[in-house]
C-alpha atoms as a PDB file:
ATOM      1  CA  MET A   1      -1.981  30.891 -24.195  1.00  0.00           C
ATOM      2  CA  ASP A   2      -3.387  30.751 -27.687  1.00  0.00           C
ATOM      3  CA  HIS A   3      -4.282  34.175 -28.987  1.00  0.00           C
ATOM      4  CA  GLY A   4      -5.141  32.973 -32.476  1.00  0.00           C
ATOM      5  CA  PRO A   5      -4.170  34.731 -35.684  1.00  0.00           C
ATOM      6  CA  ALA A   6      -3.698  38.482 -35.683  1.00  0.00           C
ATOM      7  CA  VAL A   7      -5.670  38.823 -38.900  1.00  0.00           C
ATOM      8  CA  GLU A   8      -8.671  36.879 -40.113  1.00  0.00           C
ATOM      9  CA  TYR A   9      -7.962  35.641 -43.642  1.00  0.00           C
ATOM     10  CA  GLN A  10     -10.826  34.644 -45.852  1.00  0.00           C
ATOM     11  CA  GLU A  11     -10.215  33.730 -49.449  1.00  0.00           C
ATOM     12  CA  GLU A  12     -12.850  34.160 -52.127  1.00  0.00           C
ATOM     13  CA  THR A  13     -14.569  30.809 -52.682  1.00  0.00           C
ATOM     14  CA  ALA A  14     -14.203  31.014 -56.469  1.00  0.00           C
ATOM     15  CA  LEU A  15     -10.478  31.718 -56.093  1.00  0.00           C
ATOM     16  CA  SER A  16     -10.058  28.829 -53.677  1.00  0.00           C
ATOM     17  CA  ASP A  17     -11.947  26.516 -56.048  1.00  0.00           C
ATOM     18  CA  TYR A  18      -9.740  27.609 -58.955  1.00  0.00           C
ATOM     19  CA  LYS A  19      -6.556  26.951 -56.989  1.00  0.00           C
ATOM     20  CA  THR A  20      -7.858  23.562 -55.875  1.00  0.00           C
ATOM     21  CA  LYS A  21      -8.693  22.589 -59.461  1.00  0.00           C
ATOM     22  CA  ILE A  22      -5.229  23.595 -60.692  1.00  0.00           C
ATOM     23  CA  GLY A  23      -3.554  21.779 -57.789  1.00  0.00           C
ATOM     24  CA  LEU A  24      -5.478  18.585 -58.461  1.00  0.00           C
ATOM     25  CA  ARG A  25      -4.598  18.697 -62.156  1.00  0.00           C
ATOM     26  CA  PHE A  26      -0.915  19.122 -61.353  1.00  0.00           C
ATOM     27  CA  PHE A  27      -1.150  16.310 -58.801  1.00  0.00           C
ATOM     28  CA  ALA A  28      -2.720  14.028 -61.422  1.00  0.00           C
ATOM     29  CA  ILE A  29       0.049  14.810 -63.926  1.00  0.00           C
ATOM     30  CA  TYR A  30       2.734  14.117 -61.345  1.00  0.00           C
ATOM     31  CA  GLY A  31       0.892  11.012 -60.200  1.00  0.00           C
ATOM     32  CA  ILE A  32       0.923   9.621 -63.726  1.00  0.00           C
ATOM     33  CA  ALA A  33       4.655  10.289 -64.083  1.00  0.00           C
ATOM     34  CA  PHE A  34       5.362   8.667 -60.712  1.00  0.00           C
ATOM     35  CA  THR A  35       3.108   5.706 -61.483  1.00  0.00           C
ATOM     36  CA  GLY A  36       5.171   5.097 -64.621  1.00  0.00           C
ATOM     37  CA  PHE A  37       8.307   4.967 -62.477  1.00  0.00           C
ATOM     38  CA  VAL A  38       6.733   2.478 -60.059  1.00  0.00           C
ATOM     39  CA  LEU A  39       5.338   0.298 -62.856  1.00  0.00           C
ATOM     40  CA  ILE A  40       8.704   0.099 -64.609  1.00  0.00           C
ATOM     41  CA  ASN A  41      10.371  -0.862 -61.324  1.00  0.00           C
ATOM     42  CA  THR A  42       7.703  -3.450 -60.605  1.00  0.00           C
ATOM     43  CA  PHE A  43       7.314  -5.176 -63.954  1.00  0.00           C
ATOM     44  CA  PHE A  44      10.509  -4.371 -65.880  1.00  0.00           C
ATOM     45  CA  PRO A  45      13.248  -3.728 -63.297  1.00  0.00           C
ATOM     46  CA  GLN A  46      15.968  -4.679 -65.798  1.00  0.00           C
ATOM     47  CA  LEU A  47      15.090  -1.537 -67.786  1.00  0.00           C
ATOM     48  CA  MET A  48      16.298   0.617 -64.902  1.00  0.00           C
ATOM     49  CA  LYS A  49      19.879  -0.501 -65.642  1.00  0.00           C
ATOM     50  CA  VAL A  50      19.820   0.858 -69.203  1.00  0.00           C
ATOM     51  CA  LYS A  51      21.966   3.955 -69.734  1.00  0.00           C
ATOM     52  CA  VAL A  52      19.795   6.692 -71.194  1.00  0.00           C
ATOM     53  CA  LEU A  53      21.113  10.157 -70.399  1.00  0.00           C
ATOM     54  CA  LEU A  54      24.689  11.396 -69.985  1.00  0.00           C
ATOM     55  CA  GLY A  55      25.838   7.936 -68.955  1.00  0.00           C
ATOM     56  CA  LEU A  56      23.215   7.693 -66.202  1.00  0.00           C
ATOM     57  CA  ASN A  57      20.871   4.747 -66.042  1.00  0.00           C
ATOM     58  CA  LEU A  58      17.090   5.050 -66.355  1.00  0.00           C
ATOM     59  CA  ALA A  59      16.544   4.782 -62.593  1.00  0.00           C
ATOM     60  CA  VAL A  60      18.707   7.809 -61.804  1.00  0.00           C
ATOM     61  CA  SER A  61      17.539   9.793 -64.842  1.00  0.00           C
ATOM     62  CA  TYR A  62      13.869   9.123 -64.114  1.00  0.00           C
ATOM     63  CA  GLY A  63      14.368   9.925 -60.421  1.00  0.00           C
ATOM     64  CA  PHE A  64      16.025  13.256 -61.181  1.00  0.00           C
ATOM     65  CA  GLY A  65      13.326  13.910 -63.763  1.00  0.00           C
ATOM     66  CA  LEU A  66      10.634  13.430 -61.127  1.00  0.00           C
ATOM     67  CA  ILE A  67      12.396  15.840 -58.782  1.00  0.00           C
ATOM     68  CA  ILE A  68      12.812  18.450 -61.513  1.00  0.00           C
ATOM     69  CA  LEU A  69       9.196  17.972 -62.601  1.00  0.00           C
ATOM     70  CA  ALA A  70       8.008  18.575 -59.030  1.00  0.00           C
ATOM     71  CA  ILE A  71      10.032  21.792 -58.785  1.00  0.00           C
ATOM     72  CA  ILE A  72       8.806  23.065 -62.166  1.00  0.00           C
ATOM     73  CA  MET A  73       5.204  22.224 -61.332  1.00  0.00           C
ATOM     74  CA  GLY A  74       5.493  23.948 -57.953  1.00  0.00           C
ATOM     75  CA  LEU A  75       6.821  27.107 -59.586  1.00  0.00           C
ATOM     76  CA  ALA A  76       4.144  26.941 -62.287  1.00  0.00           C
ATOM     77  CA  TYR A  77       1.398  26.483 -59.677  1.00  0.00           C
ATOM     78  CA  ASN A  78       2.692  29.475 -57.751  1.00  0.00           C
ATOM     79  CA  ALA A  79       2.837  31.632 -60.888  1.00  0.00           C
ATOM     80  CA  VAL A  80      -0.657  30.659 -62.065  1.00  0.00           C
ATOM     81  CA  CYS A  81      -2.229  31.164 -58.636  1.00  0.00           C
ATOM     82  CA  THR A  82      -0.433  34.470 -58.041  1.00  0.00           C
ATOM     83  CA  LYS A  83      -1.683  35.779 -61.388  1.00  0.00           C
ATOM     84  CA  LYS A  84      -5.260  34.758 -60.536  1.00  0.00           C
ATOM     85  CA  GLU A  85      -5.009  36.342 -57.060  1.00  0.00           C
ATOM     86  CA  GLN A  86      -3.821  39.607 -58.637  1.00  0.00           C
ATOM     87  CA  GLU A  87      -6.757  39.522 -61.053  1.00  0.00           C
ATOM     88  CA  TYR A  88      -9.163  39.097 -58.124  1.00  0.00           C
ATOM     89  CA  GLU A  89      -7.505  41.945 -56.221  1.00  0.00           C
ATOM     90  CA  ALA A  90      -7.747  44.225 -59.245  1.00  0.00           C
ATOM     91  CA  LEU A  91     -11.407  43.305 -59.685  1.00  0.00           C
ATOM     92  CA  ALA A  92     -12.091  43.939 -55.994  1.00  0.00           C
ATOM     93  CA  LYS A  93     -10.481  47.396 -56.219  1.00  0.00           C
ATOM     94  CA  GLN A  94     -12.493  48.149 -59.324  1.00  0.00           C
ATOM     95  CA  VAL A  95     -15.735  47.137 -57.618  1.00  0.00           C
ATOM     96  CA  ASP A  96     -14.829  49.104 -54.476  1.00  0.00           C
ATOM     97  CA  ALA A  97     -14.074  52.181 -56.579  1.00  0.00           C
ATOM     98  CA  HIS A  98     -17.624  52.061 -57.915  1.00  0.00           C
ATOM     99  CA  GLY A  99     -19.099  51.857 -54.423  1.00  0.00           C
ATOM    100  CA  GLY A 100     -19.895  48.149 -54.504  1.00  0.00           C
ATOM    101  CA  LYS A 101     -18.853  45.336 -52.271  1.00  0.00           C
ATOM    102  CA  GLY A 102     -15.374  43.898 -53.021  1.00  0.00           C
ATOM    103  CA  ALA A 103     -14.591  40.313 -54.027  1.00  0.00           C
ATOM    104  CA  GLY A 104     -13.145  39.302 -50.669  1.00  0.00           C
ATOM    105  CA  LYS A 105     -14.968  41.676 -48.375  1.00  0.00           C
END
């Protein structure tokens, strides 16, 4: 038996568009960093042997860098989107207080 969600959730279109735009920008940044890793491995694999950071070679350093970048970007995306959601909620309360229709209503 599928009862569906207990609450209907509808996000403001402008907020959804904003979050999509930010997500795509972050994806593009990460994509560029990852593409660099793939290109180095494809065309200059000998470079991956070079020790660059704390005695680790470029392959390991770059790999850890990509993982750390993904974590940082995920946290940044969450922070940026949460801030924007709070702004929309505050605006909706302000509009509701003046007898108008709220942003997500």
